[in-house]
Amino acid sequence: MALPASLRRIVRVLLPAFIIVVIGSIVLEVRRSRQPQDPGVRLRNDLLRARAAADSCAGALAAEEASFRAYDARVDSLRVAVRGFEALHPDGVPADSYPSYLAAFDSYNVAVAGWQARADSLRASWAACAEAIERHNALADSVGAIMKQ
């Protein structure tokens, strides 16, 4: 008995999906059953994961801070360039330097606008890292307390 073409297409799509779901649920059940039930082992694994997260966060924070410092130096150099143009003459920027001054001034304004967003991002990253480090320290204290018992 042959199935109609529309049912064959549905079976061709649903049967592999059903098999994948069954295999996936078996794999998840095996993984769950292999997880250590001992609270000490679980705590140690949590501590290791927390340490990895804190170390990763600290590395990313250092890179973001270096990027921010480089951007800050660029903003400062643009500010110095603008002030240099403004200091050329007591009556203002000379006419022959004015196009260059406007270009530097515009670049400075764009850079300053981006500076605040980068500073906010750095602060948020710092807060997230502080939280990850505090979590690690709390877990380390718990492991230390268990070890003393």
N, C-alpha and C. Protein backbone atom coordinates (compact mmCIF):
# COMPACT_ATOMS: atom_id res chain seq x y z
N MET A 1 0.84 -1.17 0.00
CA MET A 1 0.00 0.00 0.00
C MET A 1 0.90 1.24 0.00
N ALA A 2 0.75 2.09 -0.98
CA ALA A 2 1.59 3.28 -1.14
C ALA A 2 0.92 4.48 -0.50
N LEU A 3 1.75 5.28 0.13
CA LEU A 3 1.25 6.52 0.74
C LEU A 3 1.18 7.61 -0.31
N PRO A 4 0.22 8.53 -0.17
CA PRO A 4 0.17 9.67 -1.10
C PRO A 4 1.45 10.50 -0.96
N ALA A 5 1.77 11.23 -2.00
CA ALA A 5 3.02 12.01 -2.05
C ALA A 5 3.11 13.01 -0.90
N SER A 6 2.00 13.65 -0.53
CA SER A 6 2.05 14.64 0.55
C SER A 6 2.37 13.97 1.88
N LEU A 7 1.85 12.76 2.14
CA LEU A 7 2.16 12.05 3.38
C LEU A 7 3.60 11.55 3.39
N ARG A 8 4.08 11.12 2.23
CA ARG A 8 5.48 10.67 2.16
C ARG A 8 6.43 11.81 2.52
N ARG A 9 6.13 13.02 2.05
CA ARG A 9 6.97 14.18 2.39
C ARG A 9 6.94 14.45 3.88
N ILE A 10 5.76 14.38 4.46
CA ILE A 10 5.63 14.62 5.91
C ILE A 10 6.40 13.57 6.68
N VAL A 11 6.27 12.29 6.27
CA VAL A 11 6.99 11.22 6.96
C VAL A 11 8.49 11.41 6.79
N ARG A 12 8.95 11.82 5.62
CA ARG A 12 10.38 12.05 5.40
C ARG A 12 10.92 13.17 6.28
N VAL A 13 10.10 14.14 6.62
CA VAL A 13 10.55 15.24 7.48
C VAL A 13 10.39 14.88 8.95
N LEU A 14 9.25 14.31 9.31
CA LEU A 14 8.98 14.05 10.72
C LEU A 14 9.75 12.87 11.29
N LEU A 15 9.96 11.82 10.52
CA LEU A 15 10.65 10.64 11.03
C LEU A 15 12.09 10.98 11.46
N PRO A 16 12.89 11.66 10.62
CA PRO A 16 14.24 12.03 11.10
C PRO A 16 14.19 12.97 12.30
N ALA A 17 13.23 13.88 12.33
CA ALA A 17 13.12 14.79 13.47
C ALA A 17 12.78 14.02 14.73
N PHE A 18 11.88 13.04 14.61
CA PHE A 18 11.52 12.21 15.76
C PHE A 18 12.71 11.41 16.25
N ILE A 19 13.48 10.87 15.33
CA ILE A 19 14.67 10.09 15.71
C ILE A 19 15.69 10.99 16.40
N ILE A 20 15.88 12.20 15.91
CA ILE A 20 16.81 13.14 16.53
C ILE A 20 16.36 13.50 17.94
N VAL A 21 15.07 13.71 18.13
CA VAL A 21 14.54 14.04 19.46
C VAL A 21 14.76 12.88 20.41
N VAL A 22 14.50 11.66 19.96
CA VAL A 22 14.69 10.48 20.82
C VAL A 22 16.16 10.32 21.18
N ILE A 23 17.04 10.44 20.21
CA ILE A 23 18.48 10.30 20.49
C ILE A 23 18.93 11.42 21.42
N GLY A 24 18.46 12.63 21.17
CA GLY A 24 18.82 13.76 22.04
C GLY A 24 18.38 13.54 23.47
N SER A 25 17.18 13.06 23.66
CA SER A 25 16.69 12.83 25.02
C SER A 25 17.48 11.71 25.70
N ILE A 26 17.87 10.68 24.94
CA ILE A 26 18.70 9.61 25.51
C ILE A 26 20.05 10.17 25.94
N VAL A 27 20.66 10.98 25.08
CA VAL A 27 21.96 11.58 25.41
C VAL A 27 21.84 12.45 26.65
N LEU A 28 20.80 13.26 26.73
CA LEU A 28 20.63 14.12 27.91
C LEU A 28 20.43 13.30 29.17
N GLU A 29 19.68 12.21 29.08
CA GLU A 29 19.46 11.36 30.25
C GLU A 29 20.77 10.70 30.70
N VAL A 30 21.57 10.26 29.74
CA VAL A 30 22.86 9.66 30.08
C VAL A 30 23.76 10.70 30.73
N ARG A 31 23.79 11.88 30.18
CA ARG A 31 24.62 12.96 30.77
C ARG A 31 24.17 13.28 32.18
N ARG A 32 22.85 13.37 32.37
CA ARG A 32 22.33 13.69 33.69
C ARG A 32 22.68 12.61 34.70
N SER A 33 22.60 11.36 34.27
CA SER A 33 22.89 10.26 35.19
C SER A 33 24.37 10.17 35.51
N ARG A 34 25.22 10.68 34.65
CA ARG A 34 26.67 10.65 34.89
C ARG A 34 27.15 11.82 35.74
N GLN A 35 26.33 12.82 35.94
CA GLN A 35 26.75 13.96 36.75
C GLN A 35 26.94 13.51 38.19
N PRO A 36 27.98 13.99 38.83
CA PRO A 36 28.25 13.56 40.20
C PRO A 36 27.14 14.00 41.15
N GLN A 37 26.75 13.09 42.00
CA GLN A 37 25.70 13.39 42.96
C GLN A 37 26.28 13.92 44.27
N ASP A 38 27.57 13.71 44.49
CA ASP A 38 28.22 14.16 45.71
C ASP A 38 28.26 15.69 45.74
N PRO A 39 27.73 16.33 46.78
CA PRO A 39 27.74 17.79 46.83
C PRO A 39 29.14 18.38 46.80
N GLY A 40 30.10 17.69 47.38
CA GLY A 40 31.48 18.19 47.36
C GLY A 40 32.04 18.24 45.96
N VAL A 41 31.75 17.21 45.18
CA VAL A 41 32.23 17.17 43.80
C VAL A 41 31.52 18.26 42.98
N ARG A 42 30.23 18.39 43.22
CA ARG A 42 29.48 19.44 42.52
C ARG A 42 30.03 20.82 42.88
N LEU A 43 30.32 21.04 44.16
CA LEU A 43 30.86 22.32 44.61
C LEU A 43 32.22 22.59 43.98
N ARG A 44 33.06 21.54 43.92
CA ARG A 44 34.37 21.69 43.31
C ARG A 44 34.23 22.05 41.83
N ASN A 45 33.32 21.36 41.13
CA ASN A 45 33.10 21.66 39.71
C ASN A 45 32.57 23.08 39.53
N ASP A 46 31.66 23.49 40.41
CA ASP A 46 31.16 24.87 40.36
C ASP A 46 32.29 25.86 40.58
N LEU A 47 33.19 25.53 41.52
CA LEU A 47 34.34 26.41 41.81
C LEU A 47 35.25 26.51 40.59
N LEU A 48 35.50 25.39 39.94
CA LEU A 48 36.35 25.41 38.75
C LEU A 48 35.72 26.24 37.63
N ARG A 49 34.41 26.08 37.44
CA ARG A 49 33.73 26.89 36.42
C ARG A 49 33.74 28.37 36.78
N ALA A 50 33.53 28.66 38.07
CA ALA A 50 33.55 30.06 38.51
C ALA A 50 34.93 30.67 38.33
N ARG A 51 35.97 29.89 38.59
CA ARG A 51 37.34 30.37 38.42
C ARG A 51 37.62 30.66 36.95
N ALA A 52 37.18 29.74 36.08
CA ALA A 52 37.38 29.94 34.64
C ALA A 52 36.63 31.19 34.17
N ALA A 53 35.41 31.37 34.67
CA ALA A 53 34.63 32.55 34.28
C ALA A 53 35.30 33.83 34.78
N ALA A 54 35.80 33.81 36.01
CA ALA A 54 36.46 35.00 36.56
C ALA A 54 37.74 35.31 35.79
N ASP A 55 38.53 34.27 35.47
CA ASP A 55 39.76 34.49 34.71
C ASP A 55 39.47 35.01 33.31
N SER A 56 38.46 34.44 32.68
CA SER A 56 38.08 34.89 31.34
C SER A 56 37.61 36.33 31.37
N CYS A 57 36.81 36.65 32.37
CA CYS A 57 36.30 38.01 32.50
C CYS A 57 37.45 39.00 32.74
N ALA A 58 38.39 38.60 33.58
CA ALA A 58 39.52 39.49 33.87
C ALA A 58 40.35 39.74 32.61
N GLY A 59 40.54 38.70 31.81
CA GLY A 59 41.28 38.87 30.55
C GLY A 59 40.55 39.79 29.58
N ALA A 60 39.25 39.58 29.46
CA ALA A 60 38.46 40.44 28.57
C ALA A 60 38.43 41.87 29.07
N LEU A 61 38.36 42.03 30.39
CA LEU A 61 38.35 43.37 30.97
C LEU A 61 39.67 44.08 30.71
N ALA A 62 40.77 43.36 30.84
CA ALA A 62 42.09 43.97 30.57
C ALA A 62 42.19 44.42 29.11
N ALA A 63 41.69 43.60 28.20
CA ALA A 63 41.72 43.97 26.78
C ALA A 63 40.83 45.18 26.51
N GLU A 64 39.65 45.19 27.13
CA GLU A 64 38.74 46.33 26.94
C GLU A 64 39.34 47.60 27.53
N GLU A 65 40.00 47.46 28.67
CA GLU A 65 40.63 48.64 29.29
C GLU A 65 41.76 49.17 28.42
N ALA A 66 42.56 48.28 27.84
CA ALA A 66 43.64 48.70 26.95
C ALA A 66 43.07 49.42 25.73
N SER A 67 41.99 48.89 25.19
CA SER A 67 41.34 49.53 24.05
C SER A 67 40.81 50.91 24.43
N PHE A 68 40.23 51.00 25.62
CA PHE A 68 39.70 52.28 26.09
C PHE A 68 40.82 53.29 26.28
N ARG A 69 41.92 52.85 26.86
CA ARG A 69 43.06 53.76 27.07
C ARG A 69 43.63 54.26 25.74
N ALA A 70 43.67 53.39 24.75
CA ALA A 70 44.14 53.80 23.42
C ALA A 70 43.17 54.82 22.81
N TYR A 71 41.89 54.57 22.97
CA TYR A 71 40.88 55.51 22.45
C TYR A 71 40.98 56.84 23.19
N ASP A 72 41.17 56.77 24.50
CA ASP A 72 41.31 57.98 25.31
C ASP A 72 42.53 58.79 24.86
N ALA A 73 43.62 58.10 24.54
CA ALA A 73 44.81 58.79 24.06
C ALA A 73 44.53 59.47 22.72
N ARG A 74 43.74 58.80 21.87
CA ARG A 74 43.37 59.41 20.58
C ARG A 74 42.53 60.66 20.80
N VAL A 75 41.57 60.59 21.73
CA VAL A 75 40.74 61.76 22.03
C VAL A 75 41.61 62.89 22.56
N ASP A 76 42.55 62.56 23.44
CA ASP A 76 43.45 63.58 23.97
C ASP A 76 44.31 64.20 22.87
N SER A 77 44.79 63.39 21.93
CA SER A 77 45.61 63.96 20.85
C SER A 77 44.77 64.87 19.95
N LEU A 78 43.51 64.50 19.75
CA LEU A 78 42.64 65.38 18.97
C LEU A 78 42.37 66.68 19.71
N ARG A 79 42.20 66.60 21.03
CA ARG A 79 41.98 67.81 21.83
C ARG A 79 43.21 68.72 21.76
N VAL A 80 44.40 68.12 21.83
CA VAL A 80 45.64 68.90 21.72
C VAL A 80 45.73 69.55 20.34
N ALA A 81 45.34 68.82 19.30
CA ALA A 81 45.38 69.38 17.94
C ALA A 81 44.43 70.56 17.82
N VAL A 82 43.22 70.42 18.36
CA VAL A 82 42.25 71.53 18.30
C VAL A 82 42.77 72.73 19.07
N ARG A 83 43.28 72.48 20.27
CA ARG A 83 43.83 73.59 21.07
C ARG A 83 45.03 74.24 20.39
N GLY A 84 45.81 73.41 19.69
CA GLY A 84 46.96 73.95 18.94
C GLY A 84 46.52 74.90 17.84
N PHE A 85 45.47 74.54 17.13
CA PHE A 85 44.92 75.44 16.10
C PHE A 85 44.41 76.72 16.74
N GLU A 86 43.72 76.58 17.87
CA GLU A 86 43.14 77.75 18.54
C GLU A 86 44.21 78.66 19.12
N ALA A 87 45.39 78.12 19.39
CA ALA A 87 46.47 78.92 19.97
C ALA A 87 47.35 79.58 18.92
N LEU A 88 47.09 79.35 17.64
CA LEU A 88 47.93 79.93 16.59
C LEU A 88 47.89 81.45 16.57
N HIS A 89 46.75 81.99 16.90
CA HIS A 89 46.62 83.45 16.84
C HIS A 89 45.66 83.89 17.94
N PRO A 90 45.93 85.02 18.57
CA PRO A 90 45.06 85.46 19.66
C PRO A 90 43.64 85.80 19.20
N ASP A 91 43.45 86.14 17.93
CA ASP A 91 42.12 86.49 17.42
C ASP A 91 41.34 85.27 16.94
N GLY A 92 41.92 84.09 17.00
CA GLY A 92 41.24 82.89 16.54
C GLY A 92 42.08 82.13 15.54
N VAL A 93 41.48 81.16 14.94
CA VAL A 93 42.18 80.30 13.99
C VAL A 93 42.38 81.07 12.68
N PRO A 94 43.61 81.11 12.17
CA PRO A 94 43.86 81.80 10.91
C PRO A 94 43.07 81.15 9.76
N ALA A 95 42.72 81.96 8.78
CA ALA A 95 41.88 81.51 7.67
C ALA A 95 42.52 80.37 6.89
N ASP A 96 43.85 80.41 6.72
CA ASP A 96 44.51 79.35 5.93
C ASP A 96 44.50 78.00 6.68
N SER A 97 44.35 78.02 7.99
CA SER A 97 44.33 76.79 8.79
C SER A 97 42.91 76.35 9.14
N TYR A 98 41.92 77.16 8.76
CA TYR A 98 40.56 76.89 9.21
C TYR A 98 39.98 75.55 8.70
N PRO A 99 40.17 75.15 7.46
CA PRO A 99 39.65 73.84 7.02
C PRO A 99 40.24 72.67 7.83
N SER A 100 41.55 72.75 8.10
CA SER A 100 42.18 71.71 8.90
C SER A 100 41.66 71.74 10.33
N TYR A 101 41.45 72.94 10.84
CA TYR A 101 40.90 73.09 12.19
C TYR A 101 39.51 72.48 12.27
N LEU A 102 38.64 72.78 11.28
CA LEU A 102 37.28 72.22 11.29
C LEU A 102 37.30 70.70 11.22
N ALA A 103 38.21 70.14 10.42
CA ALA A 103 38.31 68.68 10.32
C ALA A 103 38.73 68.10 11.67
N ALA A 104 39.72 68.71 12.32
CA ALA A 104 40.16 68.23 13.63
C ALA A 104 39.06 68.41 14.67
N PHE A 105 38.37 69.54 14.61
CA PHE A 105 37.29 69.82 15.56
C PHE A 105 36.15 68.80 15.40
N ASP A 106 35.77 68.51 14.17
CA ASP A 106 34.71 67.52 13.92
C ASP A 106 35.15 66.14 14.39
N SER A 107 36.38 65.77 14.11
CA SER A 107 36.89 64.46 14.55
C SER A 107 36.89 64.38 16.07
N TYR A 108 37.27 65.47 16.70
CA TYR A 108 37.28 65.50 18.17
C TYR A 108 35.86 65.33 18.72
N ASN A 109 34.89 66.04 18.15
CA ASN A 109 33.51 65.93 18.62
C ASN A 109 32.96 64.52 18.46
N VAL A 110 33.26 63.88 17.34
CA VAL A 110 32.81 62.50 17.11
C VAL A 110 33.48 61.58 18.13
N ALA A 111 34.76 61.77 18.36
CA ALA A 111 35.50 60.92 19.30
C ALA A 111 34.99 61.09 20.72
N VAL A 112 34.68 62.31 21.11
CA VAL A 112 34.17 62.57 22.46
C VAL A 112 32.81 61.89 22.65
N ALA A 113 31.98 61.90 21.63
CA ALA A 113 30.67 61.24 21.73
C ALA A 113 30.85 59.74 21.94
N GLY A 114 31.81 59.15 21.28
CA GLY A 114 32.07 57.71 21.45
C GLY A 114 32.75 57.38 22.75
N TRP A 115 33.44 58.35 23.33
CA TRP A 115 34.18 58.12 24.57
C TRP A 115 33.25 57.72 25.70
N GLN A 116 32.13 58.41 25.85
CA GLN A 116 31.21 58.12 26.96
C GLN A 116 30.64 56.72 26.85
N ALA A 117 30.28 56.30 25.64
CA ALA A 117 29.74 54.94 25.45
C ALA A 117 30.79 53.90 25.82
N ARG A 118 32.03 54.15 25.44
CA ARG A 118 33.11 53.21 25.78
C ARG A 118 33.36 53.19 27.29
N ALA A 119 33.29 54.34 27.90
CA ALA A 119 33.48 54.40 29.36
C ALA A 119 32.37 53.65 30.07
N ASP A 120 31.14 53.82 29.62
CA ASP A 120 30.01 53.10 30.22
C ASP A 120 30.16 51.60 30.04
N SER A 121 30.59 51.18 28.86
CA SER A 121 30.79 49.76 28.60
C SER A 121 31.88 49.18 29.50
N LEU A 122 32.94 49.94 29.69
CA LEU A 122 34.03 49.50 30.56
C LEU A 122 33.54 49.37 32.00
N ARG A 123 32.75 50.33 32.46
CA ARG A 123 32.19 50.25 33.82
C ARG A 123 31.29 49.03 33.98
N ALA A 124 30.46 48.77 32.98
CA ALA A 124 29.56 47.61 33.03
C ALA A 124 30.36 46.31 33.03
N SER A 125 31.40 46.25 32.23
CA SER A 125 32.26 45.06 32.21
C SER A 125 32.95 44.88 33.56
N TRP A 126 33.40 45.96 34.13
CA TRP A 126 34.05 45.89 35.44
C TRP A 126 33.07 45.35 36.49
N ALA A 127 31.83 45.83 36.46
CA ALA A 127 30.83 45.36 37.42
C ALA A 127 30.54 43.88 37.22
N ALA A 128 30.45 43.44 35.97
CA ALA A 128 30.20 42.02 35.69
C ALA A 128 31.36 41.17 36.17
N CYS A 129 32.57 41.64 35.97
CA CYS A 129 33.75 40.89 36.44
C CYS A 129 33.79 40.86 37.97
N ALA A 130 33.46 41.96 38.58
CA ALA A 130 33.45 41.98 40.05
C ALA A 130 32.46 40.96 40.57
N GLU A 131 31.32 40.85 39.91
CA GLU A 131 30.31 39.87 40.32
C GLU A 131 30.82 38.44 40.13
N ALA A 132 31.48 38.18 39.01
CA ALA A 132 32.04 36.83 38.77
C ALA A 132 33.12 36.49 39.78
N ILE A 133 33.94 37.46 40.13
CA ILE A 133 35.00 37.22 41.11
C ILE A 133 34.42 37.01 42.50
N GLU A 134 33.38 37.78 42.84
CA GLU A 134 32.74 37.59 44.14
C GLU A 134 32.09 36.21 44.23
N ARG A 135 31.49 35.77 43.14
CA ARG A 135 30.89 34.42 43.13
C ARG A 135 31.97 33.38 43.35
N HIS A 136 33.09 33.52 42.64
CA HIS A 136 34.19 32.58 42.81
C HIS A 136 34.69 32.59 44.25
N ASN A 137 34.86 33.78 44.81
CA ASN A 137 35.36 33.87 46.18
C ASN A 137 34.39 33.24 47.18
N ALA A 138 33.10 33.43 46.96
CA ALA A 138 32.10 32.82 47.85
C ALA A 138 32.17 31.29 47.76
N LEU A 139 32.31 30.78 46.55
CA LEU A 139 32.44 29.33 46.40
C LEU A 139 33.74 28.83 47.03
N ALA A 140 34.81 29.58 46.86
CA ALA A 140 36.09 29.18 47.46
C ALA A 140 35.98 29.16 48.98
N ASP A 141 35.27 30.14 49.55
CA ASP A 141 35.06 30.15 51.00
C ASP A 141 34.24 28.94 51.43
N SER A 142 33.24 28.55 50.64
CA SER A 142 32.43 27.39 50.96
C SER A 142 33.28 26.11 50.93
N VAL A 143 34.13 25.99 49.91
CA VAL A 143 35.00 24.82 49.83
C VAL A 143 35.96 24.81 51.02
N GLY A 144 36.49 25.98 51.36
CA GLY A 144 37.38 26.06 52.52
C GLY A 144 36.69 25.66 53.81
N ALA A 145 35.45 26.07 53.97
CA ALA A 145 34.68 25.71 55.18
C ALA A 145 34.42 24.21 55.22
N ILE A 146 34.12 23.63 54.07
CA ILE A 146 33.87 22.18 54.02
C ILE A 146 35.16 21.42 54.34
N MET A 147 36.28 21.92 53.82
CA MET A 147 37.55 21.25 54.05
C MET A 147 37.96 21.28 55.53
N LYS A 148 37.57 22.31 56.24
CA LYS A 148 37.91 22.42 57.65
C LYS A 148 37.08 21.49 58.53
N GLN A 149 35.95 21.04 58.01
CA GLN A 149 35.06 20.18 58.82
C GLN A 149 35.63 18.80 59.00
